[in-house]
Amino acid sequence: MTAHSMRPLRAKPKTGSRLHVIWLLLATQPPLSLAYLLTVRQHWLPPRFSVAVVLAALPVVAGALAVCAAVAKSGGKRAPVVAAVVVALVELVWAVLVAAMVGFALALQSG
């Protein structure tokens, strides 16, 4: 082995693993929000806006990661990243609807 053949290794961000994290964040929000709404409807848990805010943070973080991944990709396929941003926006709309449903549940509780 010569000194010329030993090049320093540079770590490149793996966009594939970043996409897995993005899709994992996007996949967890709808079932968790539905489960929370069902437990509120069954009166197992009290309605709280804090839960809706935490659930709304998941697509926000996923969208931010997707935008960072889109900026980091200079070439190649951007379709999965753009799809993740679109899904994140749809889930943000769903999060607003969940917050509205929690608001209605709080209004019903207060009489």
Protein backbone atom coordinates (compact mmCIF):
# COMPACT_ATOMS: atom_id res chain seq x y z
CA MET A 1 0.00 0.00 0.00
CA THR A 2 1.41 3.31 -0.98
CA ALA A 3 0.67 6.69 0.47
CA HIS A 4 -0.97 7.70 -2.81
CA SER A 5 -3.58 4.94 -2.63
CA MET A 6 -4.69 5.92 0.87
CA ARG A 7 -7.28 8.64 0.36
CA PRO A 8 -9.32 10.08 3.19
CA LEU A 9 -12.85 8.83 3.32
CA ARG A 10 -15.55 11.44 3.20
CA ALA A 11 -18.92 10.75 4.69
CA LYS A 12 -21.78 11.57 2.36
CA PRO A 13 -25.27 11.93 3.75
CA LYS A 14 -27.32 8.96 2.74
CA THR A 15 -30.48 10.31 1.22
CA GLY A 16 -31.94 6.81 1.19
CA SER A 17 -31.82 6.54 4.97
CA ARG A 18 -33.06 10.12 5.26
CA LEU A 19 -36.04 9.20 3.08
CA HIS A 20 -36.77 6.23 5.32
CA VAL A 21 -36.89 8.54 8.35
CA ILE A 22 -39.13 10.99 6.46
CA TRP A 23 -41.60 8.27 5.45
CA LEU A 24 -41.53 6.82 8.97
CA LEU A 25 -42.48 10.21 10.41
CA LEU A 26 -45.21 10.59 7.80
CA ALA A 27 -46.58 7.09 8.35
CA THR A 28 -47.03 7.46 12.11
CA GLN A 29 -49.14 10.60 12.26
CA PRO A 30 -52.47 9.41 10.74
CA PRO A 31 -52.85 6.22 12.82
CA LEU A 32 -51.78 7.99 16.02
CA SER A 33 -54.19 10.85 15.47
CA LEU A 34 -57.04 8.48 14.65
CA ALA A 35 -56.29 6.44 17.75
CA TYR A 36 -56.28 9.61 19.86
CA LEU A 37 -59.58 10.81 18.40
CA LEU A 38 -61.17 7.42 19.04
CA THR A 39 -59.98 7.39 22.65
CA VAL A 40 -61.36 10.91 23.13
CA ARG A 41 -64.67 9.81 21.64
CA GLN A 42 -64.84 6.83 23.98
CA HIS A 43 -64.01 9.14 26.92
CA TRP A 44 -60.86 7.17 27.75
CA LEU A 45 -58.67 10.27 27.44
CA PRO A 46 -59.55 13.93 27.93
CA PRO A 47 -59.31 16.15 24.84
CA ARG A 48 -56.13 18.25 24.91
CA PHE A 49 -54.65 20.52 22.27
CA SER A 50 -51.14 19.52 23.32
CA VAL A 51 -51.58 16.07 21.77
CA ALA A 52 -52.78 17.62 18.51
CA VAL A 53 -49.77 19.95 18.47
CA VAL A 54 -47.32 17.09 19.05
CA LEU A 55 -48.98 15.08 16.29
CA ALA A 56 -48.82 18.11 13.99
CA ALA A 57 -45.09 18.36 14.62
CA LEU A 58 -44.45 15.02 12.89
CA PRO A 59 -45.33 16.19 9.35
CA VAL A 60 -43.62 19.53 9.99
CA VAL A 61 -40.36 17.77 10.84
CA ALA A 62 -40.78 15.36 7.92
CA GLY A 63 -41.44 18.25 5.54
CA ALA A 64 -38.38 20.12 6.77
CA LEU A 65 -36.23 17.02 6.31
CA ALA A 66 -37.68 16.50 2.83
CA VAL A 67 -36.91 20.07 1.83
CA CYS A 68 -33.34 19.66 3.13
CA ALA A 69 -33.03 16.43 1.16
CA ALA A 70 -34.32 18.16 -1.98
CA VAL A 71 -31.80 20.97 -1.59
CA ALA A 72 -28.97 18.50 -0.94
CA LYS A 73 -29.74 16.53 -4.10
CA SER A 74 -28.07 18.32 -6.97
CA GLY A 75 -29.22 15.80 -9.54
CA GLY A 76 -31.00 12.53 -9.81
CA LYS A 77 -34.49 11.59 -8.80
CA ARG A 78 -36.34 14.18 -6.77
CA ALA A 79 -39.74 12.55 -7.15
CA PRO A 80 -39.70 10.71 -3.79
CA VAL A 81 -38.69 13.90 -2.00
CA VAL A 82 -41.38 15.96 -3.73
CA ALA A 83 -43.94 13.25 -2.92
CA ALA A 84 -42.89 13.40 0.73
CA VAL A 85 -43.39 17.18 0.79
CA VAL A 86 -46.87 16.81 -0.75
CA VAL A 87 -47.82 14.11 1.76
CA ALA A 88 -46.50 16.29 4.59
CA LEU A 89 -48.72 19.17 3.44
CA VAL A 90 -51.76 16.87 3.28
CA GLU A 91 -50.99 15.61 6.78
CA LEU A 92 -50.71 19.19 8.03
CA VAL A 93 -54.25 19.77 6.78
CA TRP A 94 -55.28 16.61 8.62
CA ALA A 95 -53.57 17.90 11.77
CA VAL A 96 -55.60 21.12 11.57
CA LEU A 97 -58.77 19.04 11.26
CA VAL A 98 -57.72 16.97 14.28
CA ALA A 99 -57.18 20.18 16.27
CA ALA A 100 -60.66 21.35 15.23
CA MET A 101 -62.17 18.05 16.37
CA VAL A 102 -60.39 18.35 19.69
CA GLY A 103 -61.76 21.89 19.98
CA PHE A 104 -65.28 20.61 19.38
CA ALA A 105 -64.78 17.93 22.03
CA LEU A 106 -63.58 20.58 24.50
CA ALA A 107 -66.60 22.73 23.69
CA LEU A 108 -68.94 19.79 24.28
CA GLN A 109 -67.30 19.07 27.62
CA SER A 110 -67.63 22.63 28.83
CA GLY A 111 -71.34 22.56 28.19
